[in-house]
Amino acid sequence: MNHEDRKDPETLIGRVPDTKEGRLKVYLGGAAGVGKTYRMLEEAHQLREQGHDVVIGFVETHGRAETAARIGDLEAIPLRKISYRSVILEEMDVDAVLARKPEFAVVDEVAHTNASGSRHSKRYQDVEELVGSGINVIAAFNVQHLESLNQMVRRITGVEIRETIPNTFLARADQVVTVDIAVAALRQRLREGKIYPPEQVEQALKNFFKPSNLAALRELALREVARDQSWKREELEIIKREGGRRLAVTERLMVCLSSNREGGEELLRRAGRTAAQLNADWYAVHVETPAESFQKISGADFGNLLDNIKLAVDMGAEVVRLKSPDVIKALIKFAQDNKITLLLVGQTHPRLWNRIFRRSLTSRLLAEAPDFNIEVVA
């Protein structure tokens, strides 16, 4: 990486502003074929029958006859055609949906990466713009696409999910509905050719669609929705009890952000999951020492740091950059000043001279911050 190509990490700390103009409803599934798209289309028909203005922004039928038939006479916004390497690709036409300005828009497969030249790089960003413009969106995706679950899903299934959605997208949803189907029933649908083409069925049954994988993904989807409903119920109870005041955040979590690629992603995803479970504000704090200033840090480490910052922002963290010759003292002072209740740190590997004295950044933090709850992530 050339020095002139480097961007200040602070430029990556922007967020999509919170808006209440449109509402977002998410149908969350454990795997392909559980019926998310069908359920969205059913709701679209019901809304139209009730007198609401509903359009289809994008629906992917995957060649499933049942799904295609359920579209029926719903109004569909024509897709935008984009030429890419001599191939014509079709994407949701965001401008056309905005110009039509319906009351409700149905948008499928929101983890999708848009073709080069599209308005946004990801379809979930298209949805965010629609919601920000006052359009209610009914969307769908599978739980394995959640950013914080990425490595967990890879460990469970052995499959790397390349298209991910930040947890902040799901967190801003006004309603999350799980679409569930028994493992045996889903595998039977696969055998009947209702999910993938016949030539892909046997391989899918032996790999991603193994009973153990589907059971684990199903549990993850149910857990996410249960957590969402629990928060909303608790918040409504407190708002009602305390005369309209919103739920106060009582937990504050801090994770140490580094330029280390190995373990850095897992640490951030663990922090994101923990913050979600605790309904906590959380901070990803990077301490820049003189030896690792942005002028001296290697190109590889700088790239890793940028990746970690982007991941932290995507998962809803507030990224903080501190400067200090002593990492531990800077972290402890920040934790004290910001009333942090839980610190997450990775297990560091000390250099040889430190190992002689059995010291590492992690052991120092444990020794010098006895007043904090500290969780060490392997």
Protein backbone atom coordinates (compact mmCIF):
# COMPACT_ATOMS: atom_id res chain seq x y z
CA MET A 1 0.00 0.00 0.00
CA ASN A 2 1.44 3.40 -1.00
CA HIS A 3 1.52 6.18 1.59
CA GLU A 4 -0.43 8.47 -0.72
CA ASP A 5 -3.19 5.85 -0.97
CA ARG A 6 -3.72 5.77 2.76
CA LYS A 7 -6.89 7.19 4.21
CA ASP A 8 -7.18 8.38 7.79
CA PRO A 9 -9.22 5.74 9.69
CA GLU A 10 -11.26 8.59 11.16
CA THR A 11 -12.85 9.04 7.72
CA LEU A 12 -14.38 5.58 8.05
CA ILE A 13 -16.21 6.31 11.30
CA GLY A 14 -19.29 7.87 9.71
CA ARG A 15 -22.66 6.21 10.25
CA VAL A 16 -25.98 6.12 8.52
CA PRO A 17 -28.14 8.57 10.48
CA ASP A 18 -31.05 7.20 12.47
CA THR A 19 -34.35 8.00 10.83
CA LYS A 20 -37.98 7.34 11.66
CA GLU A 21 -39.43 8.38 8.32
CA GLY A 22 -40.00 4.84 7.04
CA ARG A 23 -40.35 1.53 8.85
CA LEU A 24 -38.34 -1.61 8.25
CA LYS A 25 -39.68 -5.13 8.67
CA VAL A 26 -37.30 -8.08 8.24
CA TYR A 27 -38.18 -11.69 7.55
CA LEU A 28 -35.22 -13.69 8.88
CA GLY A 29 -34.64 -17.31 7.88
CA GLY A 30 -32.22 -20.04 8.86
CA ALA A 31 -31.52 -21.17 5.29
CA ALA A 32 -32.63 -20.88 1.69
CA GLY A 33 -36.03 -22.40 0.96
CA VAL A 34 -37.73 -21.82 4.32
CA GLY A 35 -40.32 -19.51 2.73
CA LYS A 36 -39.19 -15.94 3.43
CA THR A 37 -40.03 -14.58 -0.03
CA TYR A 38 -43.40 -16.33 -0.08
CA ARG A 39 -44.29 -14.81 3.30
CA MET A 40 -43.29 -11.33 2.12
CA LEU A 41 -45.48 -11.67 -0.96
CA GLU A 42 -48.40 -12.88 1.16
CA GLU A 43 -48.06 -9.81 3.33
CA ALA A 44 -47.84 -7.57 0.26
CA HIS A 45 -51.16 -8.95 -1.02
CA GLN A 46 -52.77 -8.47 2.39
CA LEU A 47 -51.57 -4.87 2.62
CA ARG A 48 -52.91 -4.08 -0.84
CA GLU A 49 -56.28 -5.61 0.04
CA GLN A 50 -56.37 -3.28 3.03
CA GLY A 51 -55.96 -0.29 0.73
CA HIS A 52 -52.21 0.29 1.02
CA ASP A 53 -49.95 1.23 -1.88
CA VAL A 54 -47.49 -1.67 -2.35
CA VAL A 55 -44.84 -2.37 -4.98
CA ILE A 56 -42.15 -4.99 -5.51
CA GLY A 57 -38.71 -3.40 -5.54
CA PHE A 58 -36.93 -6.70 -6.04
CA VAL A 59 -37.99 -10.32 -5.63
CA GLU A 60 -35.83 -13.35 -6.41
CA THR A 61 -37.93 -16.43 -7.20
CA HIS A 62 -34.92 -18.73 -7.83
CA GLY A 63 -37.11 -20.45 -10.39
CA ARG A 64 -39.56 -21.66 -7.73
CA ALA A 65 -43.02 -22.01 -9.26
CA GLU A 66 -44.85 -21.41 -5.98
CA THR A 67 -43.02 -18.15 -5.36
CA ALA A 68 -43.46 -16.90 -8.93
CA ALA A 69 -47.19 -17.67 -8.81
CA ARG A 70 -47.56 -15.77 -5.54
CA ILE A 71 -46.39 -12.54 -7.16
CA GLY A 72 -49.65 -12.51 -9.05
CA ASP A 73 -50.74 -9.03 -10.11
CA LEU A 74 -48.60 -7.10 -7.62
CA GLU A 75 -47.02 -4.05 -9.19
CA ALA A 76 -43.31 -4.59 -9.82
CA ILE A 77 -40.88 -1.75 -10.48
CA PRO A 78 -38.88 -2.60 -13.64
CA LEU A 79 -35.34 -3.65 -12.82
CA ARG A 80 -32.31 -1.65 -13.86
CA LYS A 81 -30.16 -3.41 -16.48
CA ILE A 82 -26.40 -3.05 -16.07
CA SER A 83 -23.84 -4.30 -18.58
CA TYR A 84 -20.90 -5.99 -16.89
CA ARG A 85 -18.22 -7.88 -18.85
CA SER A 86 -20.55 -8.43 -21.78
CA VAL A 87 -23.27 -9.79 -19.49
CA ILE A 88 -26.52 -7.96 -18.72
CA LEU A 89 -27.24 -7.97 -14.97
CA GLU A 90 -30.49 -6.85 -13.35
CA GLU A 91 -30.59 -4.88 -10.11
CA MET A 92 -33.27 -3.02 -8.17
CA ASP A 93 -33.81 0.44 -9.64
CA VAL A 94 -33.56 2.60 -6.53
CA ASP A 95 -34.25 5.81 -8.41
CA ALA A 96 -37.40 4.36 -9.94
CA VAL A 97 -38.69 3.20 -6.54
CA LEU A 98 -37.97 6.62 -5.04
CA ALA A 99 -39.74 8.33 -7.95
CA ARG A 100 -42.76 6.04 -7.57
CA LYS A 101 -42.67 6.59 -3.77
CA PRO A 102 -45.03 3.79 -2.67
CA GLU A 103 -46.19 3.33 0.89
CA PHE A 104 -44.57 -0.13 1.02
CA ALA A 105 -41.79 -1.75 -1.03
CA VAL A 106 -40.84 -5.44 -0.96
CA VAL A 107 -37.09 -6.05 -1.26
CA ASP A 108 -35.65 -9.58 -1.29
CA GLU A 109 -32.08 -10.87 -0.80
CA VAL A 110 -30.78 -7.77 0.95
CA ALA A 111 -27.33 -9.32 1.55
CA HIS A 112 -26.79 -9.21 -2.23
CA THR A 113 -23.77 -7.37 -3.65
CA ASN A 114 -24.90 -5.03 -6.41
CA ALA A 115 -23.28 -4.99 -9.83
CA SER A 116 -20.47 -2.52 -10.41
CA GLY A 117 -21.93 0.84 -11.35
CA SER A 118 -24.95 0.53 -9.09
CA ARG A 119 -26.02 3.36 -6.80
CA HIS A 120 -24.79 1.45 -3.72
CA SER A 121 -22.43 -1.50 -3.39
CA LYS A 122 -24.91 -3.55 -1.30
CA ARG A 123 -28.65 -3.99 -1.53
CA TYR A 124 -29.17 -3.41 2.20
CA GLN A 125 -27.83 0.11 1.54
CA ASP A 126 -30.53 0.52 -1.11
CA VAL A 127 -33.06 -0.43 1.55
CA GLU A 128 -31.62 2.09 4.01
CA GLU A 129 -32.05 4.85 1.42
CA LEU A 130 -35.65 3.84 0.76
CA VAL A 131 -36.45 3.83 4.48
CA GLY A 132 -34.69 7.16 4.89
CA SER A 133 -36.91 8.58 2.15
CA GLY A 134 -40.10 7.65 3.97
CA ILE A 135 -40.86 4.32 2.27
CA ASN A 136 -41.78 1.35 4.46
CA VAL A 137 -39.71 -1.66 3.41
CA ILE A 138 -40.42 -5.36 3.88
CA ALA A 139 -37.11 -7.19 3.46
CA ALA A 140 -35.68 -10.68 3.84
CA PHE A 141 -32.35 -12.45 4.34
CA ASN A 142 -30.88 -15.51 6.06
CA VAL A 143 -29.23 -15.43 9.48
CA GLN A 144 -25.88 -16.66 8.16
CA HIS A 145 -25.42 -13.30 6.45
CA LEU A 146 -25.25 -11.37 9.74
CA GLU A 147 -21.74 -9.95 10.09
CA SER A 148 -21.27 -10.85 13.76
CA LEU A 149 -22.16 -14.51 13.07
CA ASN A 150 -19.86 -14.87 10.06
CA GLN A 151 -17.08 -16.88 11.67
CA MET A 152 -19.50 -18.89 13.82
CA VAL A 153 -21.41 -19.96 10.71
CA ARG A 154 -18.16 -20.88 9.00
CA ARG A 155 -17.18 -23.08 11.94
CA ILE A 156 -20.62 -24.73 12.03
CA THR A 157 -21.07 -25.35 8.31
CA GLY A 158 -17.57 -25.22 6.86
CA VAL A 159 -18.88 -22.70 4.33
CA GLU A 160 -17.56 -19.15 4.10
CA ILE A 161 -20.35 -16.62 3.63
CA ARG A 162 -18.91 -13.77 1.59
CA GLU A 163 -21.98 -11.52 1.48
CA THR A 164 -22.69 -10.08 4.92
CA ILE A 165 -25.00 -7.51 6.49
CA PRO A 166 -23.94 -5.35 9.46
CA ASN A 167 -25.82 -5.99 12.68
CA THR A 168 -26.81 -2.34 12.73
CA PHE A 169 -29.16 -3.05 9.81
CA LEU A 170 -31.07 -5.68 11.78
CA ALA A 171 -30.95 -3.56 14.94
CA ARG A 172 -32.74 -0.66 13.24
CA ALA A 173 -35.59 -2.92 12.05
CA ASP A 174 -38.94 -2.06 13.62
CA GLN A 175 -40.01 -5.70 13.42
CA VAL A 176 -38.13 -8.97 12.88
CA VAL A 177 -40.05 -12.14 12.02
CA THR A 178 -38.47 -15.58 11.86
CA VAL A 179 -39.55 -17.90 9.06
CA ASP A 180 -39.09 -21.39 10.40
CA ILE A 181 -39.51 -24.89 8.99
CA ALA A 182 -38.56 -28.26 10.43
CA VAL A 183 -35.20 -29.62 9.30
CA ALA A 184 -36.74 -32.78 7.81
CA ALA A 185 -39.34 -30.75 5.92
CA LEU A 186 -36.69 -28.40 4.51
CA ARG A 187 -34.54 -31.31 3.31
CA GLN A 188 -37.61 -32.84 1.69
CA ARG A 189 -38.31 -29.57 -0.14
CA LEU A 190 -34.72 -29.70 -1.38
CA ARG A 191 -35.16 -33.29 -2.64
CA GLU A 192 -38.32 -32.26 -4.49
CA GLY A 193 -36.42 -29.61 -6.42
CA LYS A 194 -38.19 -26.69 -4.72
CA ILE A 195 -34.98 -24.97 -3.59
CA TYR A 196 -32.12 -25.79 -6.00
CA PRO A 197 -31.94 -27.34 -9.51
CA PRO A 198 -31.91 -31.18 -9.48
CA GLU A 199 -28.20 -31.40 -10.33
CA GLN A 200 -27.30 -29.48 -7.13
CA VAL A 201 -29.52 -31.38 -4.71
CA GLU A 202 -27.27 -34.27 -3.65
CA GLN A 203 -24.25 -32.08 -3.01
CA ALA A 204 -26.36 -29.63 -1.00
CA LEU A 205 -27.81 -32.46 1.13
CA LYS A 206 -24.31 -33.67 1.97
CA ASN A 207 -22.87 -30.23 2.71
CA PHE A 208 -24.68 -27.06 3.74
CA PHE A 209 -28.07 -28.77 4.15
CA LYS A 210 -26.83 -31.46 6.56
CA PRO A 211 -29.28 -31.89 9.47
CA SER A 212 -26.73 -30.67 12.02
CA ASN A 213 -26.04 -27.49 10.02
CA LEU A 214 -29.72 -26.71 9.50
CA ALA A 215 -30.54 -27.30 13.16
CA ALA A 216 -27.77 -24.91 14.25
CA LEU A 217 -28.79 -22.21 11.75
CA ARG A 218 -32.43 -22.59 12.74
CA GLU A 219 -31.46 -22.06 16.38
CA LEU A 220 -29.43 -18.96 15.50
CA ALA A 221 -32.37 -17.44 13.61
CA LEU A 222 -34.80 -18.15 16.45
CA ARG A 223 -32.34 -16.73 18.98
CA GLU A 224 -31.91 -13.48 17.03
CA VAL A 225 -35.66 -12.95 16.79
CA ALA A 226 -36.25 -13.89 20.42
CA ARG A 227 -33.61 -11.39 21.47
CA ASP A 228 -35.18 -8.69 19.30
CA GLN A 229 -38.63 -9.31 20.76
CA SER A 230 -37.26 -9.38 24.30
CA TRP A 231 -35.64 -5.96 23.87
CA LYS A 232 -38.76 -4.42 22.38
CA ARG A 233 -41.00 -5.83 25.11
CA GLU A 234 -38.66 -4.64 27.88
CA GLU A 235 -38.34 -1.21 26.29
CA LEU A 236 -42.10 -0.79 25.92
CA GLU A 237 -42.64 -1.81 29.55
CA ILE A 238 -40.11 0.74 30.79
CA ILE A 239 -41.45 3.48 28.52
CA LYS A 240 -44.95 2.81 29.84
CA ARG A 241 -43.81 2.62 33.47
CA GLU A 242 -41.67 5.75 33.35
CA GLY A 243 -44.00 8.06 31.49
CA GLY A 244 -42.60 7.93 27.98
CA ARG A 245 -38.85 7.84 28.64
CA ARG A 246 -36.91 5.45 26.47
CA LEU A 247 -34.93 2.50 27.77
CA ALA A 248 -31.70 3.65 29.38
CA VAL A 249 -28.51 1.84 28.44
CA THR A 250 -26.93 0.54 31.65
CA GLU A 251 -24.08 -1.56 30.21
CA ARG A 252 -21.11 -0.04 28.41
CA LEU A 253 -18.66 -2.33 26.68
CA MET A 254 -15.17 -1.67 25.36
CA VAL A 255 -13.07 -3.78 23.02
CA CYS A 256 -9.42 -3.15 22.23
CA LEU A 257 -9.00 -2.50 18.49
CA SER A 258 -5.69 -3.52 16.97
CA SER A 259 -3.97 -3.90 13.62
CA ASN A 260 -3.77 -7.64 14.17
CA ARG A 261 -5.70 -9.59 11.53
CA GLU A 262 -5.40 -12.93 13.32
CA GLY A 263 -8.02 -12.91 16.06
CA GLY A 264 -9.10 -9.33 15.45
CA GLU A 265 -12.23 -10.21 13.49
CA GLU A 266 -13.35 -12.83 16.01
CA LEU A 267 -12.79 -10.42 18.91
CA LEU A 268 -14.91 -7.74 17.24
CA ARG A 269 -17.69 -10.17 16.35
CA ARG A 270 -17.73 -11.48 19.93
CA ALA A 271 -17.96 -7.89 21.18
CA GLY A 272 -20.81 -7.15 18.77
CA ARG A 273 -22.76 -10.21 19.92
CA THR A 274 -22.15 -9.42 23.59
CA ALA A 275 -23.22 -5.79 23.15
CA ALA A 276 -26.38 -6.94 21.42
CA GLN A 277 -27.18 -9.39 24.21
CA LEU A 278 -26.66 -6.71 26.88
CA ASN A 279 -28.32 -3.91 24.89
CA ALA A 280 -25.06 -2.06 25.54
CA ASP A 281 -23.34 0.89 23.99
CA TRP A 282 -19.91 -0.29 22.90
CA TYR A 283 -16.61 1.25 21.92
CA ALA A 284 -13.79 -0.11 19.79
CA VAL A 285 -10.70 1.68 21.08
CA HIS A 286 -7.38 1.84 19.23
CA VAL A 287 -4.33 3.19 21.04
CA GLU A 288 -1.69 4.60 18.71
CA THR A 289 1.79 4.41 20.24
CA PRO A 290 4.80 6.32 18.88
CA ALA A 291 6.19 3.08 17.47
CA GLU A 292 2.93 2.37 15.64
CA SER A 293 2.00 5.84 14.44
CA PHE A 294 0.23 6.08 11.12
CA GLN A 295 3.50 7.35 9.65
CA LYS A 296 5.47 4.30 10.79
CA ILE A 297 2.98 1.42 10.70
CA SER A 298 3.55 -1.10 7.91
CA GLY A 299 1.26 -1.21 4.92
CA ALA A 300 -0.08 -4.65 5.91
CA ASP A 301 -0.80 -3.62 9.50
CA PHE A 302 -2.41 -0.38 8.33
CA GLY A 303 -4.67 -2.32 5.99
CA ASN A 304 -5.62 -4.69 8.81
CA LEU A 305 -6.44 -1.73 11.05
CA LEU A 306 -8.68 -0.20 8.39
CA ASP A 307 -10.48 -3.53 7.95
CA ASN A 308 -11.02 -3.83 11.71
CA ILE A 309 -12.32 -0.24 11.94
CA LYS A 310 -14.78 -0.83 9.12
CA LEU A 311 -15.99 -4.07 10.72
CA ALA A 312 -16.45 -2.36 14.10
CA VAL A 313 -18.43 0.49 12.53
CA ASP A 314 -20.59 -1.95 10.55
CA MET A 315 -21.50 -3.73 13.78
CA GLY A 316 -22.50 -0.55 15.57
CA ALA A 317 -19.43 0.33 17.63
CA GLU A 318 -18.23 3.84 18.27
CA VAL A 319 -14.61 3.80 17.15
CA VAL A 320 -12.20 5.80 19.32
CA ARG A 321 -8.58 6.62 18.53
CA LEU A 322 -6.24 7.47 21.39
CA LYS A 323 -2.55 8.42 21.39
CA SER A 324 -0.32 7.27 24.23
CA PRO A 325 3.07 5.63 24.78
CA ASP A 326 1.37 3.25 27.23
CA VAL A 327 -1.50 1.23 25.78
CA ILE A 328 -2.74 -0.16 29.10
CA LYS A 329 -2.83 3.18 30.92
CA ALA A 330 -4.70 4.77 28.02
CA LEU A 331 -7.28 1.96 27.94
CA ILE A 332 -7.86 2.07 31.70
CA LYS A 333 -8.26 5.85 31.70
CA PHE A 334 -10.76 5.69 28.83
CA ALA A 335 -12.69 2.94 30.62
CA GLN A 336 -12.83 4.99 33.81
CA ASP A 337 -13.82 8.22 32.05
CA ASN A 338 -16.60 6.50 30.08
CA LYS A 339 -17.94 4.28 32.89
CA ILE A 340 -17.20 1.06 31.02
CA THR A 341 -18.73 -2.01 32.69
CA LEU A 342 -17.09 -4.75 30.59
CA LEU A 343 -13.75 -4.93 28.74
CA LEU A 344 -13.12 -7.51 26.00
CA VAL A 345 -9.51 -8.21 25.08
CA GLY A 346 -7.77 -10.81 22.96
CA GLN A 347 -5.20 -13.21 24.35
CA THR A 348 -1.92 -11.59 23.30
CA HIS A 349 1.37 -13.37 22.72
CA PRO A 350 4.22 -11.48 24.42
CA ARG A 351 7.64 -11.05 22.88
CA LEU A 352 10.50 -13.17 24.23
CA TRP A 353 11.77 -10.60 26.75
CA ASN A 354 8.25 -10.12 28.08
CA ARG A 355 7.66 -13.86 28.19
CA ILE A 356 10.64 -14.23 30.53
CA PHE A 357 8.83 -12.01 33.03
CA ARG A 358 5.45 -13.59 32.17
CA ARG A 359 4.08 -10.27 31.02
CA SER A 360 1.81 -9.40 28.11
CA LEU A 361 -0.65 -6.62 27.38
CA THR A 362 -3.48 -8.89 28.48
CA SER A 363 -1.82 -9.91 31.75
CA ARG A 364 -0.93 -6.28 32.47
CA LEU A 365 -4.52 -5.21 31.92
CA LEU A 366 -5.79 -7.96 34.22
CA ALA A 367 -3.28 -6.93 36.90
CA GLU A 368 -3.74 -3.15 36.64
CA ALA A 369 -7.50 -2.96 36.16
CA PRO A 370 -8.92 -5.07 39.02
CA ASP A 371 -12.02 -2.86 39.30
CA PHE A 372 -13.30 -3.83 35.83
CA ASN A 373 -14.99 -6.95 34.53
CA ILE A 374 -12.62 -8.24 31.87
CA GLU A 375 -13.33 -11.05 29.40
CA VAL A 376 -10.36 -12.58 27.62
CA VAL A 377 -11.21 -14.00 24.19
CA ALA A 378 -8.95 -16.77 22.96
